[in-house]
PDB file of N, CA and C in Angstrom:
ATOM      1  N   MET A   1     -40.853  -3.895  55.933  1.00  0.00           N
ATOM      2  CA  MET A   1     -41.266  -5.135  55.316  1.00  0.00           C
ATOM      3  C   MET A   1     -40.824  -6.301  56.212  1.00  0.00           C
ATOM      4  N   GLN A   2     -41.705  -7.288  56.369  1.00  0.00           N
ATOM      5  CA  GLN A   2     -41.380  -8.446  57.176  1.00  0.00           C
ATOM      6  C   GLN A   2     -40.465  -9.388  56.407  1.00  0.00           C
ATOM      7  N   LYS A   3     -39.667 -10.131  57.167  1.00  0.00           N
ATOM      8  CA  LYS A   3     -38.734 -11.064  56.551  1.00  0.00           C
ATOM      9  C   LYS A   3     -39.483 -12.289  56.028  1.00  0.00           C
ATOM     10  N   ALA A   4     -39.056 -12.769  54.895  1.00  0.00           N
ATOM     11  CA  ALA A   4     -39.696 -13.926  54.264  1.00  0.00           C
ATOM     12  C   ALA A   4     -39.209 -15.225  54.890  1.00  0.00           C
ATOM     13  N   SER A   5     -40.097 -16.217  54.931  1.00  0.00           N
ATOM     14  CA  SER A   5     -39.686 -17.586  55.212  1.00  0.00           C
ATOM     15  C   SER A   5     -39.217 -18.131  53.870  1.00  0.00           C
ATOM     16  N   ILE A   6     -38.171 -18.934  53.896  1.00  0.00           N
ATOM     17  CA  ILE A   6     -37.641 -19.485  52.647  1.00  0.00           C
ATOM     18  C   ILE A   6     -37.819 -20.994  52.683  1.00  0.00           C
ATOM     19  N   TYR A   7     -38.572 -21.502  51.706  1.00  0.00           N
ATOM     20  CA  TYR A   7     -38.726 -22.947  51.588  1.00  0.00           C
ATOM     21  C   TYR A   7     -39.146 -23.314  50.167  1.00  0.00           C
ATOM     22  N   CYS A   8     -38.891 -24.576  49.823  1.00  0.00           N
ATOM     23  CA  CYS A   8     -39.211 -25.083  48.490  1.00  0.00           C
ATOM     24  C   CYS A   8     -40.717 -25.016  48.260  1.00  0.00           C
ATOM     25  N   PRO A   9     -41.150 -24.416  47.176  1.00  0.00           N
ATOM     26  CA  PRO A   9     -42.582 -24.338  46.909  1.00  0.00           C
ATOM     27  C   PRO A   9     -43.199 -25.695  46.552  1.00  0.00           C
ATOM     28  N   LYS A  10     -42.375 -26.688  46.242  1.00  0.00           N
ATOM     29  CA  LYS A  10     -42.893 -28.011  45.876  1.00  0.00           C
ATOM     30  C   LYS A  10     -43.019 -28.937  47.091  1.00  0.00           C
ATOM     31  N   CYS A  11     -41.942 -29.059  47.898  1.00  0.00           N
ATOM     32  CA  CYS A  11     -41.953 -30.026  49.004  1.00  0.00           C
ATOM     33  C   CYS A  11     -41.915 -29.370  50.385  1.00  0.00           C
ATOM     34  N   LYS A  12     -41.799 -28.045  50.434  1.00  0.00           N
ATOM     35  CA  LYS A  12     -41.779 -27.257  51.673  1.00  0.00           C
ATOM     36  C   LYS A  12     -40.501 -27.417  52.506  1.00  0.00           C
ATOM     37  N   TRP A  13     -39.441 -28.016  51.924  1.00  0.00           N
ATOM     38  CA  TRP A  13     -38.163 -28.152  52.625  1.00  0.00           C
ATOM     39  C   TRP A  13     -37.568 -26.773  52.868  1.00  0.00           C
ATOM     40  N   GLU A  14     -37.108 -26.538  54.092  1.00  0.00           N
ATOM     41  CA  GLU A  14     -36.467 -25.274  54.454  1.00  0.00           C
ATOM     42  C   GLU A  14     -34.962 -25.467  54.472  1.00  0.00           C
ATOM     43  N   PRO A  15     -34.234 -24.784  53.606  1.00  0.00           N
ATOM     44  CA  PRO A  15     -32.773 -24.939  53.613  1.00  0.00           C
ATOM     45  C   PRO A  15     -32.176 -24.365  54.896  1.00  0.00           C
ATOM     46  N   PRO A  16     -31.201 -25.058  55.479  1.00  0.00           N
ATOM     47  CA  PRO A  16     -30.552 -24.506  56.667  1.00  0.00           C
ATOM     48  C   PRO A  16     -29.734 -23.276  56.297  1.00  0.00           C
ATOM     49  N   ARG A  17     -29.462 -22.450  57.281  1.00  0.00           N
ATOM     50  CA  ARG A  17     -28.606 -21.280  57.025  1.00  0.00           C
ATOM     51  C   ARG A  17     -27.281 -21.780  56.465  1.00  0.00           C
ATOM     52  N   ALA A  18     -26.784 -21.085  55.504  1.00  0.00           N
ATOM     53  CA  ALA A  18     -25.502 -21.384  54.856  1.00  0.00           C
ATOM     54  C   ALA A  18     -25.537 -22.647  53.988  1.00  0.00           C
ATOM     55  N   ALA A  19     -26.728 -23.110  53.579  1.00  0.00           N
ATOM     56  CA  ALA A  19     -26.793 -24.184  52.578  1.00  0.00           C
ATOM     57  C   ALA A  19     -26.203 -23.617  51.289  1.00  0.00           C
ATOM     58  N   LEU A  20     -25.450 -24.434  50.580  1.00  0.00           N
ATOM     59  CA  LEU A  20     -24.751 -23.936  49.392  1.00  0.00           C
ATOM     60  C   LEU A  20     -25.258 -24.582  48.110  1.00  0.00           C
ATOM     61  N   TRP A  21     -25.359 -23.758  47.080  1.00  0.00           N
ATOM     62  CA  TRP A  21     -25.688 -24.202  45.727  1.00  0.00           C
ATOM     63  C   TRP A  21     -24.451 -23.955  44.881  1.00  0.00           C
ATOM     64  N   GLU A  22     -24.333 -24.680  43.769  1.00  0.00           N
ATOM     65  CA  GLU A  22     -23.169 -24.538  42.905  1.00  0.00           C
ATOM     66  C   GLU A  22     -23.549 -23.903  41.582  1.00  0.00           C
ATOM     67  N   CYS A  23     -22.730 -22.983  41.134  1.00  0.00           N
ATOM     68  CA  CYS A  23     -22.914 -22.339  39.832  1.00  0.00           C
ATOM     69  C   CYS A  23     -22.374 -23.306  38.773  1.00  0.00           C
ATOM     70  N   LEU A  24     -23.224 -24.274  38.420  1.00  0.00           N
ATOM     71  CA  LEU A  24     -22.797 -25.303  37.467  1.00  0.00           C
ATOM     72  C   LEU A  24     -22.682 -24.782  36.045  1.00  0.00           C
ATOM     73  N   GLU A  25     -23.493 -23.791  35.708  1.00  0.00           N
ATOM     74  CA  GLU A  25     -23.548 -23.328  34.323  1.00  0.00           C
ATOM     75  C   GLU A  25     -22.315 -22.553  33.882  1.00  0.00           C
ATOM     76  N   VAL A  26     -21.627 -21.903  34.850  1.00  0.00           N
ATOM     77  CA  VAL A  26     -20.533 -21.032  34.420  1.00  0.00           C
ATOM     78  C   VAL A  26     -19.218 -21.290  35.157  1.00  0.00           C
ATOM     79  N   CYS A  27     -19.167 -20.998  36.469  1.00  0.00           N
ATOM     80  CA  CYS A  27     -17.860 -20.942  37.127  1.00  0.00           C
ATOM     81  C   CYS A  27     -17.612 -21.963  38.235  1.00  0.00           C
ATOM     82  N   GLY A  28     -18.640 -22.672  38.697  1.00  0.00           N
ATOM     83  CA  GLY A  28     -18.444 -23.680  39.736  1.00  0.00           C
ATOM     84  C   GLY A  28     -18.397 -23.146  41.162  1.00  0.00           C
ATOM     85  N   CYS A  29     -18.639 -21.874  41.340  1.00  0.00           N
ATOM     86  CA  CYS A  29     -18.627 -21.257  42.671  1.00  0.00           C
ATOM     87  C   CYS A  29     -19.727 -21.862  43.548  1.00  0.00           C
ATOM     88  N   LEU A  30     -19.432 -22.070  44.831  1.00  0.00           N
ATOM     89  CA  LEU A  30     -20.437 -22.480  45.808  1.00  0.00           C
ATOM     90  C   LEU A  30     -20.921 -21.232  46.530  1.00  0.00           C
ATOM     91  N   PHE A  31     -22.248 -21.068  46.640  1.00  0.00           N
ATOM     92  CA  PHE A  31     -22.777 -19.862  47.276  1.00  0.00           C
ATOM     93  C   PHE A  31     -24.171 -20.113  47.831  1.00  0.00           C
ATOM     94  N   ASP A  32     -24.581 -19.264  48.764  1.00  0.00           N
ATOM     95  CA  ASP A  32     -25.925 -19.315  49.330  1.00  0.00           C
ATOM     96  C   ASP A  32     -26.830 -18.506  48.413  1.00  0.00           C
ATOM     97  N   THR A  33     -27.623 -19.190  47.621  1.00  0.00           N
ATOM     98  CA  THR A  33     -28.453 -18.538  46.615  1.00  0.00           C
ATOM     99  C   THR A  33     -29.472 -17.559  47.214  1.00  0.00           C
ATOM    100  N   PHE A  34     -29.854 -17.770  48.482  1.00  0.00           N
ATOM    101  CA  PHE A  34     -30.840 -16.880  49.100  1.00  0.00           C
ATOM    102  C   PHE A  34     -30.195 -15.632  49.691  1.00  0.00           C
ATOM    103  N   GLU A  35     -28.896 -15.680  49.934  1.00  0.00           N
ATOM    104  CA  GLU A  35     -28.156 -14.484  50.364  1.00  0.00           C
ATOM    105  C   GLU A  35     -27.945 -13.536  49.184  1.00  0.00           C
ATOM    106  N   THR A  36     -27.893 -14.104  47.985  1.00  0.00           N
ATOM    107  CA  THR A  36     -27.558 -13.301  46.800  1.00  0.00           C
ATOM    108  C   THR A  36     -28.738 -13.088  45.858  1.00  0.00           C
ATOM    109  N   GLY A  37     -29.915 -13.572  46.238  1.00  0.00           N
ATOM    110  CA  GLY A  37     -31.079 -13.424  45.368  1.00  0.00           C
ATOM    111  C   GLY A  37     -30.980 -14.221  44.084  1.00  0.00           C
ATOM    112  N   GLY A  38     -30.252 -15.347  44.134  1.00  0.00           N
ATOM    113  CA  GLY A  38     -30.141 -16.201  42.954  1.00  0.00           C
ATOM    114  C   GLY A  38     -29.063 -15.791  41.975  1.00  0.00           C
ATOM    115  N   THR A  39     -28.127 -14.939  42.416  1.00  0.00           N
ATOM    116  CA  THR A  39     -27.047 -14.474  41.540  1.00  0.00           C
ATOM    117  C   THR A  39     -25.703 -14.968  42.069  1.00  0.00           C
ATOM    118  N   CYS A  40     -24.919 -15.597  41.213  1.00  0.00           N
ATOM    119  CA  CYS A  40     -23.593 -16.074  41.604  1.00  0.00           C
ATOM    120  C   CYS A  40     -22.707 -14.873  41.952  1.00  0.00           C
ATOM    121  N   PRO A  41     -22.076 -14.884  43.126  1.00  0.00           N
ATOM    122  CA  PRO A  41     -21.238 -13.746  43.509  1.00  0.00           C
ATOM    123  C   PRO A  41     -19.917 -13.661  42.745  1.00  0.00           C
ATOM    124  N   GLU A  42     -19.524 -14.747  42.089  1.00  0.00           N
ATOM    125  CA  GLU A  42     -18.262 -14.745  41.336  1.00  0.00           C
ATOM    126  C   GLU A  42     -18.438 -14.256  39.903  1.00  0.00           C
ATOM    127  N   CYS A  43     -19.328 -14.905  39.158  1.00  0.00           N
ATOM    128  CA  CYS A  43     -19.467 -14.581  37.726  1.00  0.00           C
ATOM    129  C   CYS A  43     -20.715 -13.748  37.426  1.00  0.00           C
ATOM    130  N   HIS A  44     -21.564 -13.539  38.437  1.00  0.00           N
ATOM    131  CA  HIS A  44     -22.786 -12.722  38.343  1.00  0.00           C
ATOM    132  C   HIS A  44     -23.864 -13.329  37.447  1.00  0.00           C
ATOM    133  N   GLU A  45     -23.783 -14.651  37.231  1.00  0.00           N
ATOM    134  CA  GLU A  45     -24.844 -15.351  36.503  1.00  0.00           C
ATOM    135  C   GLU A  45     -26.115 -15.303  37.358  1.00  0.00           C
ATOM    136  N   LYS A  46     -27.227 -14.916  36.732  1.00  0.00           N
ATOM    137  CA  LYS A  46     -28.515 -14.814  37.433  1.00  0.00           C
ATOM    138  C   LYS A  46     -29.307 -16.089  37.165  1.00  0.00           C
ATOM    139  N   PHE A  47     -29.717 -16.767  38.237  1.00  0.00           N
ATOM    140  CA  PHE A  47     -30.482 -18.001  38.106  1.00  0.00           C
ATOM    141  C   PHE A  47     -31.952 -17.710  38.366  1.00  0.00           C
ATOM    142  N   GLU A  48     -32.760 -17.895  37.350  1.00  0.00           N
ATOM    143  CA  GLU A  48     -34.206 -17.658  37.464  1.00  0.00           C
ATOM    144  C   GLU A  48     -34.897 -18.805  38.198  1.00  0.00           C
ATOM    145  N   HIS A  49     -34.296 -20.003  38.162  1.00  0.00           N
ATOM    146  CA  HIS A  49     -34.851 -21.184  38.822  1.00  0.00           C
ATOM    147  C   HIS A  49     -33.848 -21.743  39.817  1.00  0.00           C
ATOM    148  N   THR A  50     -34.360 -22.289  40.911  1.00  0.00           N
ATOM    149  CA  THR A  50     -33.521 -22.883  41.942  1.00  0.00           C
ATOM    150  C   THR A  50     -33.962 -24.323  42.139  1.00  0.00           C
ATOM    151  N   GLN A  51     -32.977 -25.224  42.191  1.00  0.00           N
ATOM    152  CA  GLN A  51     -33.273 -26.640  42.407  1.00  0.00           C
ATOM    153  C   GLN A  51     -33.269 -26.941  43.898  1.00  0.00           C
ATOM    154  N   CYS A  52     -34.286 -27.659  44.345  1.00  0.00           N
ATOM    155  CA  CYS A  52     -34.378 -28.066  45.747  1.00  0.00           C
ATOM    156  C   CYS A  52     -33.391 -29.200  46.000  1.00  0.00           C
ATOM    157  N   ILE A  53     -32.583 -29.054  47.025  1.00  0.00           N
ATOM    158  CA  ILE A  53     -31.617 -30.083  47.387  1.00  0.00           C
ATOM    159  C   ILE A  53     -32.340 -31.337  47.888  1.00  0.00           C
ATOM    160  N   MET A  54     -33.528 -31.174  48.480  1.00  0.00           N
ATOM    161  CA  MET A  54     -34.256 -32.307  49.053  1.00  0.00           C
ATOM    162  C   MET A  54     -35.038 -33.093  47.991  1.00  0.00           C
ATOM    163  N   CYS A  55     -35.916 -32.423  47.228  1.00  0.00           N
ATOM    164  CA  CYS A  55     -36.779 -33.153  46.279  1.00  0.00           C
ATOM    165  C   CYS A  55     -36.224 -33.158  44.855  1.00  0.00           C
ATOM    166  N   GLY A  56     -35.240 -32.316  44.569  1.00  0.00           N
ATOM    167  CA  GLY A  56     -34.609 -32.293  43.250  1.00  0.00           C
ATOM    168  C   GLY A  56     -35.364 -31.518  42.184  1.00  0.00           C
ATOM    169  N   GLN A  57     -36.527 -30.956  42.527  1.00  0.00           N
ATOM    170  CA  GLN A  57     -37.319 -30.225  41.540  1.00  0.00           C
ATOM    171  C   GLN A  57     -36.865 -28.770  41.437  1.00  0.00           C
ATOM    172  N   PHE A  58     -37.070 -28.194  40.253  1.00  0.00           N
ATOM    173  CA  PHE A  58     -36.750 -26.791  40.007  1.00  0.00           C
ATOM    174  C   PHE A  58     -38.009 -25.950  40.161  1.00  0.00           C
ATOM    175  N   SER A  59     -37.853 -24.772  40.749  1.00  0.00           N
ATOM    176  CA  SER A  59     -38.944 -23.799  40.884  1.00  0.00           C
ATOM    177  C   SER A  59     -38.371 -22.417  40.609  1.00  0.00           C
ATOM    178  N   PRO A  60     -39.213 -21.490  40.125  1.00  0.00           N
ATOM    179  CA  PRO A  60     -38.725 -20.116  39.984  1.00  0.00           C
ATOM    180  C   PRO A  60     -38.163 -19.630  41.326  1.00  0.00           C
ATOM    181  N   HIS A  61     -37.017 -18.995  41.271  1.00  0.00           N
ATOM    182  CA  HIS A  61     -36.336 -18.560  42.496  1.00  0.00           C
ATOM    183  C   HIS A  61     -37.258 -17.711  43.376  1.00  0.00           C
ATOM    184  N   ARG A  62     -38.023 -16.810  42.791  1.00  0.00           N
ATOM    185  CA  ARG A  62     -38.877 -15.904  43.567  1.00  0.00           C
ATOM    186  C   ARG A  62     -39.968 -16.649  44.339  1.00  0.00           C
ATOM    187  N   GLU A  63     -40.322 -17.875  43.897  1.00  0.00           N
ATOM    188  CA  GLU A  63     -41.371 -18.633  44.580  1.00  0.00           C
ATOM    189  C   GLU A  63     -40.890 -19.292  45.871  1.00  0.00           C
ATOM    190  N   TRP A  64     -39.591 -19.236  46.148  1.00  0.00           N
ATOM    191  CA  TRP A  64     -39.043 -19.779  47.391  1.00  0.00           C
ATOM    192  C   TRP A  64     -39.280 -18.818  48.562  1.00  0.00           C
ATOM    193  N   TYR A  65     -39.575 -17.568  48.299  1.00  0.00           N
ATOM    194  CA  TYR A  65     -39.756 -16.562  49.346  1.00  0.00           C
ATOM    195  C   TYR A  65     -41.239 -16.471  49.704  1.00  0.00           C
ATOM    196  N   HIS A  66     -41.566 -16.721  50.968  1.00  0.00           N
ATOM    197  CA  HIS A  66     -42.954 -16.725  51.427  1.00  0.00           C
ATOM    198  C   HIS A  66     -43.104 -15.681  52.526  1.00  0.00           C
ATOM    199  N   TYR A  67     -43.861 -14.628  52.225  1.00  0.00           N
ATOM    200  CA  TYR A  67     -44.060 -13.525  53.166  1.00  0.00           C
ATOM    201  C   TYR A  67     -45.352 -13.729  53.944  1.00  0.00           C
ATOM    202  N   PRO A  68     -45.343 -13.367  55.240  1.00  0.00           N
ATOM    203  CA  PRO A  68     -46.587 -13.483  56.022  1.00  0.00           C
ATOM    204  C   PRO A  68     -47.663 -12.591  55.421  1.00  0.00           C
ATOM    205  N   LYS A  69     -48.900 -13.040  55.524  1.00  0.00           N
ATOM    206  CA  LYS A  69     -50.003 -12.213  55.022  1.00  0.00           C
ATOM    207  C   LYS A  69     -50.142 -11.001  55.920  1.00  0.00           C
ATOM    208  N   LYS A  70     -50.353  -9.863  55.293  1.00  0.00           N
ATOM    209  CA  LYS A  70     -50.479  -8.605  56.025  1.00  0.00           C
ATOM    210  C   LYS A  70     -51.877  -8.515  56.633  1.00  0.00           C
ATOM    211  N   ALA A  71     -51.935  -8.193  57.915  1.00  0.00           N
ATOM    212  CA  ALA A  71     -53.229  -7.984  58.574  1.00  0.00           C
ATOM    213  C   ALA A  71     -53.812  -6.665  58.078  1.00  0.00           C
ATOM    214  N   PRO A  72     -55.115  -6.612  57.838  1.00  0.00           N
ATOM    215  CA  PRO A  72     -55.713  -5.363  57.353  1.00  0.00           C
ATOM    216  C   PRO A  72     -55.638  -4.275  58.421  1.00  0.00           C
ATOM    217  N   THR A  73     -55.453  -3.055  57.974  1.00  0.00           N
ATOM    218  CA  THR A  73     -55.462  -1.919  58.892  1.00  0.00           C
ATOM    219  C   THR A  73     -56.906  -1.606  59.253  1.00  0.00           C
ATOM    220  N   CYS A  74     -57.116  -0.752  60.244  1.00  0.00           N
ATOM    221  CA  CYS A  74     -58.472  -0.387  60.658  1.00  0.00           C
ATOM    222  C   CYS A  74     -59.258   0.189  59.484  1.00  0.00           C
ATOM    223  N   LYS A  75     -58.611   1.027  58.701  1.00  0.00           N
ATOM    224  CA  LYS A  75     -59.286   1.661  57.567  1.00  0.00           C
ATOM    225  C   LYS A  75     -59.713   0.620  56.536  1.00  0.00           C
ATOM    226  N   GLU A  76     -58.808  -0.355  56.259  1.00  0.00           N
ATOM    227  CA  GLU A  76     -59.142  -1.405  55.311  1.00  0.00           C
ATOM    228  C   GLU A  76     -60.297  -2.244  55.834  1.00  0.00           C
ATOM    229  N   SER A  77     -60.322  -2.523  57.138  1.00  0.00           N
ATOM    230  CA  SER A  77     -61.404  -3.313  57.736  1.00  0.00           C
ATOM    231  C   SER A  77     -62.731  -2.587  57.616  1.00  0.00           C
ATOM    232  N   GLU A  78     -62.720  -1.267  57.860  1.00  0.00           N
ATOM    233  CA  GLU A  78     -63.942  -0.481  57.746  1.00  0.00           C
ATOM    234  C   GLU A  78     -64.462  -0.519  56.316  1.00  0.00           C
ATOM    235  N   THR A  79     -63.555  -0.397  55.345  1.00  0.00           N
ATOM    236  CA  THR A  79     -63.941  -0.415  53.941  1.00  0.00           C
ATOM    237  C   THR A  79     -64.551  -1.768  53.593  1.00  0.00           C
ATOM    238  N   GLU A  80     -63.917  -2.849  54.057  1.00  0.00           N
ATOM    239  CA  GLU A  80     -64.438  -4.178  53.777  1.00  0.00           C
ATOM    240  C   GLU A  80     -65.825  -4.342  54.401  1.00  0.00           C
ATOM    241  N   ASP A  81     -66.026  -3.846  55.640  1.00  0.00           N
ATOM    242  CA  ASP A  81     -67.331  -3.951  56.288  1.00  0.00           C
ATOM    243  C   ASP A  81     -68.387  -3.193  55.500  1.00  0.00           C
ATOM    244  N   GLU A  82     -68.021  -1.993  55.036  1.00  0.00           N
ATOM    245  CA  GLU A  82     -68.978  -1.192  54.276  1.00  0.00           C
ATOM    246  C   GLU A  82     -69.391  -1.928  52.999  1.00  0.00           C
ATOM    247  N   GLU A  83     -68.436  -2.552  52.346  1.00  0.00           N
ATOM    248  CA  GLU A  83     -68.750  -3.268  51.113  1.00  0.00           C
ATOM    249  C   GLU A  83     -69.653  -4.477  51.400  1.00  0.00           C
ATOM    250  N   ILE A  84     -69.466  -5.123  52.513  1.00  0.00           N
ATOM    251  CA  ILE A  84     -70.254  -6.302  52.851  1.00  0.00           C
ATOM    252  C   ILE A  84     -71.695  -5.942  53.194  1.00  0.00           C
ATOM    253  N   TYR A  85     -71.884  -4.845  53.907  1.00  0.00           N
ATOM    254  CA  TYR A  85     -73.210  -4.503  54.418  1.00  0.00           C
ATOM    255  C   TYR A  85     -73.993  -3.525  53.571  1.00  0.00           C
ATOM    256  N   VAL A  86     -73.501  -3.126  52.422  1.00  0.00           N
ATOM    257  CA  VAL A  86     -74.207  -2.131  51.600  1.00  0.00           C
ATOM    258  C   VAL A  86     -75.359  -2.780  50.878  1.00  0.00           C
TER     259      VAL A  86
END
């Protein structure tokens, strides 16, 4: 699997490596939310939404991960061609 680009789905801001978020709801721990998949390493609170440090908006944590589009394999291309020309 290819590595995802990580950026805010609202403003496209890319957090620098080691940018820290704070577990405000429970323990106050500072952590890199993208290293832990949105889970506080101290209290294990799972954050479904992540706030952008740049624009201040909240987005579902999973929407911050942007994977490159997969190029079709030869077989998939042949299938697509057959469907187009039938």
